[in-house]
Amino acid sequence: MTLAEDAIAWYDANARDLPWRQPDTTPWGVLVSEVMLQQTPVVRVEPAWHAWMTRWPTPAALAADPPSEAIRMWGRLGYPRRAMRLHACAVAMVERHGGDVPSDLDQLLALPGVGTYTGRAVATFAYGQRHPVVDTNVRRVVSRAVEGKPDAGPATTAADLAAMEELLPASPAVAARASIAFMELGAIVCTARSPRCPSCPFEKVCAWRLDGSPPLEGPSRKRQTYAGTDRQVRGLLLEVLRHATGPVPQQRLDLVWTDEVQRARALSGLVEDGLVEPFGTASFVLAGDSFEVQTL
């Protein structure tokens, strides 16, 4: 059997039961899941995905609402610019594709915020096409099983895409199944620091294992700090704005964080990212919110 066949057999018996993998999931549901899963664990994405798809089951439904509603719905998933990208994608799909998620890879890549990985993931997982879908998990599996290297590079390269494409079966449908299988292997078996090799279908043919499992390179990845960072301050500011029913005065935002310099930097960053907009002379709103100017 080939690596792809072994991976598919393993996947069929061990895959996690995730909602965006169900047969009735729409291409829009796949796109939403792929954006939400960027830098966010599955356990946090599942409830957010369900809530999002219940409210906006189609791109047109989201496009009809202002971007501020997407930011509100994003909640505490983190990296809220992703909500803005999804809203921009929805608007573009309504304008260019009649409200449908395009199946053509070039058209997918032309959507706002859709990059190499996301475009190929949607074309593959939503439409069953044959494309190399390469994320950190896939790079690690291929690096170990094929190249005998304990770790993959920090970013996807053309060589990574070519290496994965060589492993894909000719049939688009089978290739799509293989792509998700390789990804799942990297996510739950061939992990970065504690690979569960005895559970891996590649154990007897893995080049890294056959070479004696050389030590994993570099220091263990340190957990990213959050407390006290600009990210935390941005999140606190957004939390106030998300729950506001009108423009939020500067004085109210000043209560969020005591460090004036850091608070101002975080607020300025939110404005520069297009997530927050000034309202009047000393108030702020989420991007796209519209309120009447109150006059005394």
C-alpha atoms as a PDB file:
ATOM      1  CA  MET A   1       0.000   0.000   0.000  1.00  0.00           C
ATOM      2  CA  THR A   2       1.075   3.590  -0.574  1.00  0.00           C
ATOM      3  CA  LEU A   3       1.379   6.188   2.171  1.00  0.00           C
ATOM      4  CA  ALA A   4      -1.845   7.773   0.946  1.00  0.00           C
ATOM      5  CA  GLU A   5      -3.720   4.453   1.130  1.00  0.00           C
ATOM      6  CA  ASP A   6      -2.357   3.768   4.622  1.00  0.00           C
ATOM      7  CA  ALA A   7      -3.334   7.272   5.729  1.00  0.00           C
ATOM      8  CA  ILE A   8      -6.869   6.917   4.374  1.00  0.00           C
ATOM      9  CA  ALA A   9      -7.372   3.536   6.053  1.00  0.00           C
ATOM     10  CA  TRP A  10      -6.187   4.993   9.352  1.00  0.00           C
ATOM     11  CA  TYR A  11      -8.372   8.078   8.920  1.00  0.00           C
ATOM     12  CA  ASP A  12     -11.493   6.049   8.199  1.00  0.00           C
ATOM     13  CA  ALA A  13     -11.026   4.266  11.533  1.00  0.00           C
ATOM     14  CA  ASN A  14      -9.745   7.120  13.699  1.00  0.00           C
ATOM     15  CA  ALA A  15     -10.871  10.508  12.403  1.00  0.00           C
ATOM     16  CA  ARG A  16     -12.434  12.952  14.818  1.00  0.00           C
ATOM     17  CA  ASP A  17     -16.138  13.551  14.302  1.00  0.00           C
ATOM     18  CA  LEU A  18     -16.080  17.262  13.476  1.00  0.00           C
ATOM     19  CA  PRO A  19     -19.173  19.118  12.236  1.00  0.00           C
ATOM     20  CA  TRP A  20     -17.530  20.690   9.188  1.00  0.00           C
ATOM     21  CA  ARG A  21     -16.585  17.216   7.938  1.00  0.00           C
ATOM     22  CA  GLN A  22     -20.179  16.012   7.697  1.00  0.00           C
ATOM     23  CA  PRO A  23     -21.413  15.123   4.176  1.00  0.00           C
ATOM     24  CA  ASP A  24     -24.049  17.875   4.258  1.00  0.00           C
ATOM     25  CA  THR A  25     -21.593  20.637   5.130  1.00  0.00           C
ATOM     26  CA  THR A  26     -21.676  23.389   2.516  1.00  0.00           C
ATOM     27  CA  PRO A  27     -18.577  24.934   0.923  1.00  0.00           C
ATOM     28  CA  TRP A  28     -19.356  28.033   3.003  1.00  0.00           C
ATOM     29  CA  GLY A  29     -19.252  25.918   6.160  1.00  0.00           C
ATOM     30  CA  VAL A  30     -15.865  24.545   5.115  1.00  0.00           C
ATOM     31  CA  LEU A  31     -14.492  28.029   4.451  1.00  0.00           C
ATOM     32  CA  VAL A  32     -15.740  29.315   7.818  1.00  0.00           C
ATOM     33  CA  SER A  33     -14.144  26.365   9.609  1.00  0.00           C
ATOM     34  CA  GLU A  34     -10.800  26.825   7.867  1.00  0.00           C
ATOM     35  CA  VAL A  35     -10.646  30.506   8.823  1.00  0.00           C
ATOM     36  CA  MET A  36     -11.701  29.848  12.413  1.00  0.00           C
ATOM     37  CA  LEU A  37      -9.196  27.009  12.856  1.00  0.00           C
ATOM     38  CA  GLN A  38      -6.221  29.242  12.049  1.00  0.00           C
ATOM     39  CA  GLN A  39      -4.246  29.460  15.320  1.00  0.00           C
ATOM     40  CA  THR A  40      -7.286  28.312  17.316  1.00  0.00           C
ATOM     41  CA  PRO A  41      -7.909  24.864  18.886  1.00  0.00           C
ATOM     42  CA  VAL A  42     -10.785  22.720  17.632  1.00  0.00           C
ATOM     43  CA  VAL A  43     -12.440  22.678  21.069  1.00  0.00           C
ATOM     44  CA  ARG A  44     -12.903  26.459  20.922  1.00  0.00           C
ATOM     45  CA  VAL A  45     -13.912  26.543  17.275  1.00  0.00           C
ATOM     46  CA  GLU A  46     -16.762  24.003  17.391  1.00  0.00           C
ATOM     47  CA  PRO A  47     -19.303  26.099  19.363  1.00  0.00           C
ATOM     48  CA  ALA A  48     -18.319  29.265  17.508  1.00  0.00           C
ATOM     49  CA  TRP A  49     -18.727  27.518  14.141  1.00  0.00           C
ATOM     50  CA  HIS A  50     -22.180  26.227  15.058  1.00  0.00           C
ATOM     51  CA  ALA A  51     -23.302  29.669  16.221  1.00  0.00           C
ATOM     52  CA  TRP A  52     -21.903  31.365  13.115  1.00  0.00           C
ATOM     53  CA  MET A  53     -23.499  28.897  10.689  1.00  0.00           C
ATOM     54  CA  THR A  54     -26.844  29.120  12.482  1.00  0.00           C
ATOM     55  CA  ARG A  55     -26.884  32.893  12.130  1.00  0.00           C
ATOM     56  CA  TRP A  56     -25.261  33.129   8.701  1.00  0.00           C
ATOM     57  CA  PRO A  57     -25.829  29.867   6.792  1.00  0.00           C
ATOM     58  CA  THR A  58     -24.810  31.481   3.501  1.00  0.00           C
ATOM     59  CA  PRO A  59     -22.348  34.148   2.353  1.00  0.00           C
ATOM     60  CA  ALA A  60     -25.275  36.369   1.360  1.00  0.00           C
ATOM     61  CA  ALA A  61     -26.669  36.253   4.899  1.00  0.00           C
ATOM     62  CA  LEU A  62     -23.388  37.526   6.329  1.00  0.00           C
ATOM     63  CA  ALA A  63     -22.863  40.095   3.576  1.00  0.00           C
ATOM     64  CA  ALA A  64     -26.264  41.619   4.393  1.00  0.00           C
ATOM     65  CA  ASP A  65     -25.053  42.514   7.887  1.00  0.00           C
ATOM     66  CA  PRO A  66     -22.421  45.144   8.702  1.00  0.00           C
ATOM     67  CA  PRO A  67     -18.901  43.957   9.554  1.00  0.00           C
ATOM     68  CA  SER A  68     -19.456  45.027  13.159  1.00  0.00           C
ATOM     69  CA  GLU A  69     -21.828  42.088  13.576  1.00  0.00           C
ATOM     70  CA  ALA A  70     -19.142  39.681  12.380  1.00  0.00           C
ATOM     71  CA  ILE A  71     -16.737  41.102  14.954  1.00  0.00           C
ATOM     72  CA  ARG A  72     -19.351  40.733  17.687  1.00  0.00           C
ATOM     73  CA  MET A  73     -20.124  37.160  16.694  1.00  0.00           C
ATOM     74  CA  TRP A  74     -16.418  36.310  16.671  1.00  0.00           C
ATOM     75  CA  GLY A  75     -16.419  36.715  20.428  1.00  0.00           C
ATOM     76  CA  ARG A  76     -13.192  35.648  22.139  1.00  0.00           C
ATOM     77  CA  LEU A  77     -11.789  33.393  19.404  1.00  0.00           C
ATOM     78  CA  GLY A  78      -8.854  35.760  19.045  1.00  0.00           C
ATOM     79  CA  TYR A  79      -7.264  37.378  16.007  1.00  0.00           C
ATOM     80  CA  PRO A  80     -10.559  39.157  15.163  1.00  0.00           C
ATOM     81  CA  ARG A  81      -9.287  40.391  11.818  1.00  0.00           C
ATOM     82  CA  ARG A  82     -10.327  36.937  10.626  1.00  0.00           C
ATOM     83  CA  ALA A  83     -13.952  37.981  11.168  1.00  0.00           C
ATOM     84  CA  MET A  84     -13.377  40.986   8.939  1.00  0.00           C
ATOM     85  CA  ARG A  85     -11.829  38.773   6.267  1.00  0.00           C
ATOM     86  CA  LEU A  86     -14.807  36.413   6.331  1.00  0.00           C
ATOM     87  CA  HIS A  87     -17.179  39.344   5.976  1.00  0.00           C
ATOM     88  CA  ALA A  88     -15.143  40.754   3.083  1.00  0.00           C
ATOM     89  CA  CYS A  89     -15.139  37.290   1.473  1.00  0.00           C
ATOM     90  CA  ALA A  90     -18.914  37.079   1.808  1.00  0.00           C
ATOM     91  CA  VAL A  91     -19.375  40.480   0.176  1.00  0.00           C
ATOM     92  CA  ALA A  92     -16.994  39.540  -2.652  1.00  0.00           C
ATOM     93  CA  MET A  93     -18.803  36.248  -3.256  1.00  0.00           C
ATOM     94  CA  VAL A  94     -22.136  38.036  -3.497  1.00  0.00           C
ATOM     95  CA  GLU A  95     -20.686  40.578  -5.920  1.00  0.00           C
ATOM     96  CA  ARG A  96     -18.631  38.183  -8.055  1.00  0.00           C
ATOM     97  CA  HIS A  97     -20.163  34.718  -7.724  1.00  0.00           C
ATOM     98  CA  GLY A  98     -23.867  35.132  -7.057  1.00  0.00           C
ATOM     99  CA  GLY A  99     -23.433  34.397  -3.362  1.00  0.00           C
ATOM    100  CA  ASP A 100     -21.720  31.044  -3.912  1.00  0.00           C
ATOM    101  CA  VAL A 101     -18.283  29.922  -2.765  1.00  0.00           C
ATOM    102  CA  PRO A 102     -16.382  29.459  -6.052  1.00  0.00           C
ATOM    103  CA  SER A 103     -14.958  26.040  -6.824  1.00  0.00           C
ATOM    104  CA  ASP A 104     -12.170  27.342  -9.076  1.00  0.00           C
ATOM    105  CA  LEU A 105      -8.882  27.623  -7.194  1.00  0.00           C
ATOM    106  CA  ASP A 106      -7.825  30.874  -8.850  1.00  0.00           C
ATOM    107  CA  GLN A 107     -11.165  32.441  -7.986  1.00  0.00           C
ATOM    108  CA  LEU A 108     -10.824  31.260  -4.403  1.00  0.00           C
ATOM    109  CA  LEU A 109      -7.335  32.724  -4.126  1.00  0.00           C
ATOM    110  CA  ALA A 110      -8.672  36.042  -5.452  1.00  0.00           C
ATOM    111  CA  LEU A 111     -11.059  36.391  -2.505  1.00  0.00           C
ATOM    112  CA  PRO A 112     -10.037  38.842   0.256  1.00  0.00           C
ATOM    113  CA  GLY A 113      -7.754  37.226   2.814  1.00  0.00           C
ATOM    114  CA  VAL A 114      -7.739  33.767   1.183  1.00  0.00           C
ATOM    115  CA  GLY A 115      -4.188  32.493   0.899  1.00  0.00           C
ATOM    116  CA  THR A 116      -2.423  29.440  -0.483  1.00  0.00           C
ATOM    117  CA  TYR A 117      -3.534  27.069   2.263  1.00  0.00           C
ATOM    118  CA  THR A 118      -7.145  28.220   2.673  1.00  0.00           C
ATOM    119  CA  GLY A 119      -7.856  28.321  -1.053  1.00  0.00           C
ATOM    120  CA  ARG A 120      -6.562  24.803  -1.595  1.00  0.00           C
ATOM    121  CA  ALA A 121      -8.292  23.506   1.528  1.00  0.00           C
ATOM    122  CA  VAL A 122     -11.698  24.754   0.369  1.00  0.00           C
ATOM    123  CA  ALA A 123     -11.215  23.456  -3.195  1.00  0.00           C
ATOM    124  CA  THR A 124     -10.162  20.086  -1.796  1.00  0.00           C
ATOM    125  CA  PHE A 125     -12.415  19.537   1.214  1.00  0.00           C
ATOM    126  CA  ALA A 126     -15.533  21.264  -0.136  1.00  0.00           C
ATOM    127  CA  TYR A 127     -15.303  20.286  -3.788  1.00  0.00           C
ATOM    128  CA  GLY A 128     -13.223  17.094  -3.756  1.00  0.00           C
ATOM    129  CA  GLN A 129     -10.511  18.426  -6.033  1.00  0.00           C
ATOM    130  CA  ARG A 130      -6.920  17.252  -6.251  1.00  0.00           C
ATOM    131  CA  HIS A 131      -4.639  19.890  -4.738  1.00  0.00           C
ATOM    132  CA  PRO A 132      -1.755  19.634  -2.271  1.00  0.00           C
ATOM    133  CA  VAL A 133      -3.141  21.016   0.992  1.00  0.00           C
ATOM    134  CA  VAL A 134      -0.186  21.747   3.229  1.00  0.00           C
ATOM    135  CA  ASP A 135      -0.287  23.132   6.757  1.00  0.00           C
ATOM    136  CA  THR A 136       2.103  22.706   9.683  1.00  0.00           C
ATOM    137  CA  ASN A 137       0.744  19.242  10.464  1.00  0.00           C
ATOM    138  CA  VAL A 138       1.113  17.980   6.904  1.00  0.00           C
ATOM    139  CA  ARG A 139       4.623  19.402   6.557  1.00  0.00           C
ATOM    140  CA  ARG A 140       5.671  17.584   9.722  1.00  0.00           C
ATOM    141  CA  VAL A 141       4.234  14.232   8.608  1.00  0.00           C
ATOM    142  CA  VAL A 142       5.870  14.411   5.173  1.00  0.00           C
ATOM    143  CA  SER A 143       9.149  15.649   6.635  1.00  0.00           C
ATOM    144  CA  ARG A 144       9.381  12.679   8.986  1.00  0.00           C
ATOM    145  CA  ALA A 145       7.828   9.895   6.939  1.00  0.00           C
ATOM    146  CA  VAL A 146       9.411  10.732   3.582  1.00  0.00           C
ATOM    147  CA  GLU A 147      12.482  12.847   4.232  1.00  0.00           C
ATOM    148  CA  GLY A 148      13.563  11.443   7.600  1.00  0.00           C
ATOM    149  CA  LYS A 149      13.777  14.889   9.160  1.00  0.00           C
ATOM    150  CA  PRO A 150      12.397  15.357  12.672  1.00  0.00           C
ATOM    151  CA  ASP A 151      10.911  18.766  11.954  1.00  0.00           C
ATOM    152  CA  ALA A 152       9.575  20.698   8.996  1.00  0.00           C
ATOM    153  CA  GLY A 153      10.405  24.248   8.008  1.00  0.00           C
ATOM    154  CA  PRO A 154       8.654  27.239   9.556  1.00  0.00           C
ATOM    155  CA  ALA A 155       6.562  28.070   6.487  1.00  0.00           C
ATOM    156  CA  THR A 156       5.085  26.282   3.503  1.00  0.00           C
ATOM    157  CA  THR A 157       7.239  26.455   0.379  1.00  0.00           C
ATOM    158  CA  ALA A 158       6.793  25.428  -3.249  1.00  0.00           C
ATOM    159  CA  ALA A 159       8.889  22.358  -2.451  1.00  0.00           C
ATOM    160  CA  ASP A 160       6.421  21.361   0.291  1.00  0.00           C
ATOM    161  CA  LEU A 161       3.516  21.625  -2.140  1.00  0.00           C
ATOM    162  CA  ALA A 162       5.390  19.561  -4.726  1.00  0.00           C
ATOM    163  CA  ALA A 163       6.320  16.890  -2.168  1.00  0.00           C
ATOM    164  CA  MET A 164       2.713  16.540  -1.047  1.00  0.00           C
ATOM    165  CA  GLU A 165       1.392  16.456  -4.609  1.00  0.00           C
ATOM    166  CA  GLU A 166       3.636  13.469  -5.363  1.00  0.00           C
ATOM    167  CA  LEU A 167       1.946  11.540  -2.583  1.00  0.00           C
ATOM    168  CA  LEU A 168      -1.603  12.193  -3.795  1.00  0.00           C
ATOM    169  CA  PRO A 169      -3.486   9.512  -5.749  1.00  0.00           C
ATOM    170  CA  ALA A 170      -4.584  10.387  -9.270  1.00  0.00           C
ATOM    171  CA  SER A 171      -8.287  10.304  -8.449  1.00  0.00           C
ATOM    172  CA  PRO A 172      -9.404  13.738  -7.197  1.00  0.00           C
ATOM    173  CA  ALA A 173     -11.877  12.254  -4.712  1.00  0.00           C
ATOM    174  CA  VAL A 174      -9.301   9.850  -3.261  1.00  0.00           C
ATOM    175  CA  ALA A 175      -6.650  12.574  -3.247  1.00  0.00           C
ATOM    176  CA  ALA A 176      -8.989  14.830  -1.249  1.00  0.00           C
ATOM    177  CA  ARG A 177      -9.483  12.016   1.262  1.00  0.00           C
ATOM    178  CA  ALA A 178      -5.741  11.513   1.500  1.00  0.00           C
ATOM    179  CA  SER A 179      -5.182  15.226   2.129  1.00  0.00           C
ATOM    180  CA  ILE A 180      -7.467  15.330   5.150  1.00  0.00           C
ATOM    181  CA  ALA A 181      -5.978  12.049   6.389  1.00  0.00           C
ATOM    182  CA  PHE A 182      -2.405  13.384   6.342  1.00  0.00           C
ATOM    183  CA  MET A 183      -3.584  16.501   8.157  1.00  0.00           C
ATOM    184  CA  GLU A 184      -5.395  14.504  10.829  1.00  0.00           C
ATOM    185  CA  LEU A 185      -2.336  12.303  11.371  1.00  0.00           C
ATOM    186  CA  GLY A 186      -0.215  15.358  12.055  1.00  0.00           C
ATOM    187  CA  ALA A 187      -2.816  16.830  14.374  1.00  0.00           C
ATOM    188  CA  ILE A 188      -3.362  13.864  16.689  1.00  0.00           C
ATOM    189  CA  VAL A 189      -0.561  11.298  16.129  1.00  0.00           C
ATOM    190  CA  CYS A 190       2.555  12.777  14.501  1.00  0.00           C
ATOM    191  CA  THR A 191       2.566  15.758  16.841  1.00  0.00           C
ATOM    192  CA  ALA A 192       5.393  18.242  17.198  1.00  0.00           C
ATOM    193  CA  ARG A 193       6.834  17.229  20.558  1.00  0.00           C
ATOM    194  CA  SER A 194       5.164  13.966  21.606  1.00  0.00           C
ATOM    195  CA  PRO A 195       4.548  11.841  18.500  1.00  0.00           C
ATOM    196  CA  ARG A 196       2.603   8.634  19.164  1.00  0.00           C
ATOM    197  CA  CYS A 197       4.562   6.507  16.726  1.00  0.00           C
ATOM    198  CA  PRO A 198       3.107   3.103  17.758  1.00  0.00           C
ATOM    199  CA  SER A 199      -0.321   4.433  16.696  1.00  0.00           C
ATOM    200  CA  CYS A 200       0.895   5.690  13.335  1.00  0.00           C
ATOM    201  CA  PRO A 201       0.146   3.760  10.125  1.00  0.00           C
ATOM    202  CA  PHE A 202       3.562   4.836   8.811  1.00  0.00           C
ATOM    203  CA  GLU A 203       5.538   3.425  11.742  1.00  0.00           C
ATOM    204  CA  LYS A 204       7.220   0.616   9.770  1.00  0.00           C
ATOM    205  CA  VAL A 205       8.064   2.763   6.737  1.00  0.00           C
ATOM    206  CA  CYS A 206       8.687   6.166   8.289  1.00  0.00           C
ATOM    207  CA  ALA A 207      12.154   7.367   7.273  1.00  0.00           C
ATOM    208  CA  TRP A 208      12.584   9.179  10.582  1.00  0.00           C
ATOM    209  CA  ARG A 209      11.792   6.030  12.580  1.00  0.00           C
ATOM    210  CA  LEU A 210      13.996   3.864  10.382  1.00  0.00           C
ATOM    211  CA  ASP A 211      16.833   6.288  11.084  1.00  0.00           C
ATOM    212  CA  GLY A 212      16.431   5.721  14.804  1.00  0.00           C
ATOM    213  CA  SER A 213      14.107   8.647  15.512  1.00  0.00           C
ATOM    214  CA  PRO A 214      16.792  11.364  15.722  1.00  0.00           C
ATOM    215  CA  PRO A 215      16.102  13.937  18.443  1.00  0.00           C
ATOM    216  CA  LEU A 216      13.577  16.618  17.698  1.00  0.00           C
ATOM    217  CA  GLU A 217      15.409  19.747  16.698  1.00  0.00           C
ATOM    218  CA  GLY A 218      15.488  22.953  18.664  1.00  0.00           C
ATOM    219  CA  PRO A 219      14.022  23.774  22.076  1.00  0.00           C
ATOM    220  CA  SER A 220      10.462  22.890  22.890  1.00  0.00           C
ATOM    221  CA  ARG A 221       8.087  25.562  21.718  1.00  0.00           C
ATOM    222  CA  LYS A 222       7.237  27.893  24.571  1.00  0.00           C
ATOM    223  CA  ARG A 223       3.641  28.732  25.169  1.00  0.00           C
ATOM    224  CA  GLN A 224       2.877  32.200  23.865  1.00  0.00           C
ATOM    225  CA  THR A 225       2.280  34.635  26.680  1.00  0.00           C
ATOM    226  CA  TYR A 226      -0.954  36.577  26.686  1.00  0.00           C
ATOM    227  CA  ALA A 227      -1.294  38.301  30.043  1.00  0.00           C
ATOM    228  CA  GLY A 228      -0.054  41.864  29.891  1.00  0.00           C
ATOM    229  CA  THR A 229       0.417  41.919  26.125  1.00  0.00           C
ATOM    230  CA  ASP A 230      -1.089  44.307  23.598  1.00  0.00           C
ATOM    231  CA  ARG A 231      -3.217  41.375  22.454  1.00  0.00           C
ATOM    232  CA  GLN A 232      -4.831  41.199  25.869  1.00  0.00           C
ATOM    233  CA  VAL A 233      -5.489  44.939  25.919  1.00  0.00           C
ATOM    234  CA  ARG A 234      -6.952  44.817  22.393  1.00  0.00           C
ATOM    235  CA  GLY A 235      -9.236  41.996  23.512  1.00  0.00           C
ATOM    236  CA  LEU A 236     -10.433  43.943  26.539  1.00  0.00           C
ATOM    237  CA  LEU A 237     -11.163  47.018  24.435  1.00  0.00           C
ATOM    238  CA  LEU A 238     -13.037  44.982  21.854  1.00  0.00           C
ATOM    239  CA  GLU A 239     -15.049  43.269  24.576  1.00  0.00           C
ATOM    240  CA  VAL A 240     -16.391  46.631  25.722  1.00  0.00           C
ATOM    241  CA  LEU A 241     -17.184  47.721  22.164  1.00  0.00           C
ATOM    242  CA  ARG A 242     -18.840  44.408  21.264  1.00  0.00           C
ATOM    243  CA  HIS A 243     -21.363  44.729  24.078  1.00  0.00           C
ATOM    244  CA  ALA A 244     -22.037  48.425  23.614  1.00  0.00           C
ATOM    245  CA  THR A 245     -25.415  49.619  22.327  1.00  0.00           C
ATOM    246  CA  GLY A 246     -23.997  52.939  21.217  1.00  0.00           C
ATOM    247  CA  PRO A 247     -20.724  54.828  20.782  1.00  0.00           C
ATOM    248  CA  VAL A 248     -18.271  54.167  23.617  1.00  0.00           C
ATOM    249  CA  PRO A 249     -16.689  57.306  25.093  1.00  0.00           C
ATOM    250  CA  GLN A 250     -12.916  57.438  25.416  1.00  0.00           C
ATOM    251  CA  GLN A 251     -13.343  57.767  29.177  1.00  0.00           C
ATOM    252  CA  ARG A 252     -15.028  54.364  29.309  1.00  0.00           C
ATOM    253  CA  LEU A 253     -12.224  52.732  27.356  1.00  0.00           C
ATOM    254  CA  ASP A 254      -9.664  54.380  29.644  1.00  0.00           C
ATOM    255  CA  LEU A 255     -10.983  52.226  32.498  1.00  0.00           C
ATOM    256  CA  VAL A 256     -10.030  49.033  30.681  1.00  0.00           C
ATOM    257  CA  TRP A 257      -6.262  49.228  31.249  1.00  0.00           C
ATOM    258  CA  THR A 258      -4.185  51.387  33.549  1.00  0.00           C
ATOM    259  CA  ASP A 259      -1.108  51.733  31.332  1.00  0.00           C
ATOM    260  CA  GLU A 260      -2.035  54.764  29.244  1.00  0.00           C
ATOM    261  CA  VAL A 261       0.697  54.286  26.640  1.00  0.00           C
ATOM    262  CA  GLN A 262      -0.087  50.605  26.052  1.00  0.00           C
ATOM    263  CA  ARG A 263      -3.821  51.267  26.026  1.00  0.00           C
ATOM    264  CA  ALA A 264      -3.455  54.012  23.429  1.00  0.00           C
ATOM    265  CA  ARG A 265      -1.198  51.794  21.323  1.00  0.00           C
ATOM    266  CA  ALA A 266      -3.708  48.931  21.432  1.00  0.00           C
ATOM    267  CA  LEU A 267      -6.620  51.197  20.514  1.00  0.00           C
ATOM    268  CA  SER A 268      -4.646  52.763  17.695  1.00  0.00           C
ATOM    269  CA  GLY A 269      -3.837  49.290  16.389  1.00  0.00           C
ATOM    270  CA  LEU A 270      -7.512  48.342  16.361  1.00  0.00           C
ATOM    271  CA  VAL A 271      -8.303  51.457  14.355  1.00  0.00           C
ATOM    272  CA  GLU A 272      -5.441  50.798  11.916  1.00  0.00           C
ATOM    273  CA  ASP A 273      -6.649  47.213  11.433  1.00  0.00           C
ATOM    274  CA  GLY A 274     -10.109  48.454  10.522  1.00  0.00           C
ATOM    275  CA  LEU A 275     -11.789  46.781  13.492  1.00  0.00           C
ATOM    276  CA  VAL A 276     -12.690  49.992  15.299  1.00  0.00           C
ATOM    277  CA  GLU A 277     -13.680  53.428  14.035  1.00  0.00           C
ATOM    278  CA  PRO A 278     -13.650  56.833  15.757  1.00  0.00           C
ATOM    279  CA  PHE A 279     -17.111  58.256  16.278  1.00  0.00           C
ATOM    280  CA  GLY A 280     -17.426  61.976  16.788  1.00  0.00           C
ATOM    281  CA  THR A 281     -14.687  63.701  18.739  1.00  0.00           C
ATOM    282  CA  ALA A 282     -14.029  61.316  21.629  1.00  0.00           C
ATOM    283  CA  SER A 283     -15.910  58.036  21.099  1.00  0.00           C
ATOM    284  CA  PHE A 284     -15.397  54.763  19.235  1.00  0.00           C
ATOM    285  CA  VAL A 285     -17.531  52.072  17.599  1.00  0.00           C
ATOM    286  CA  LEU A 286     -16.933  48.739  15.914  1.00  0.00           C
ATOM    287  CA  ALA A 287     -16.263  48.972  12.193  1.00  0.00           C
ATOM    288  CA  GLY A 288     -19.530  49.317  10.316  1.00  0.00           C
ATOM    289  CA  ASP A 289     -21.646  50.270  13.299  1.00  0.00           C
ATOM    290  CA  SER A 290     -23.976  53.156  12.573  1.00  0.00           C
ATOM    291  CA  PHE A 291     -25.432  55.304  15.320  1.00  0.00           C
ATOM    292  CA  GLU A 292     -27.081  58.652  15.251  1.00  0.00           C
ATOM    293  CA  VAL A 293     -24.972  61.496  16.602  1.00  0.00           C
ATOM    294  CA  GLN A 294     -26.521  62.603  19.844  1.00  0.00           C
ATOM    295  CA  THR A 295     -26.990  66.337  20.195  1.00  0.00           C
ATOM    296  CA  LEU A 296     -27.758  68.177  23.383  1.00  0.00           C
END
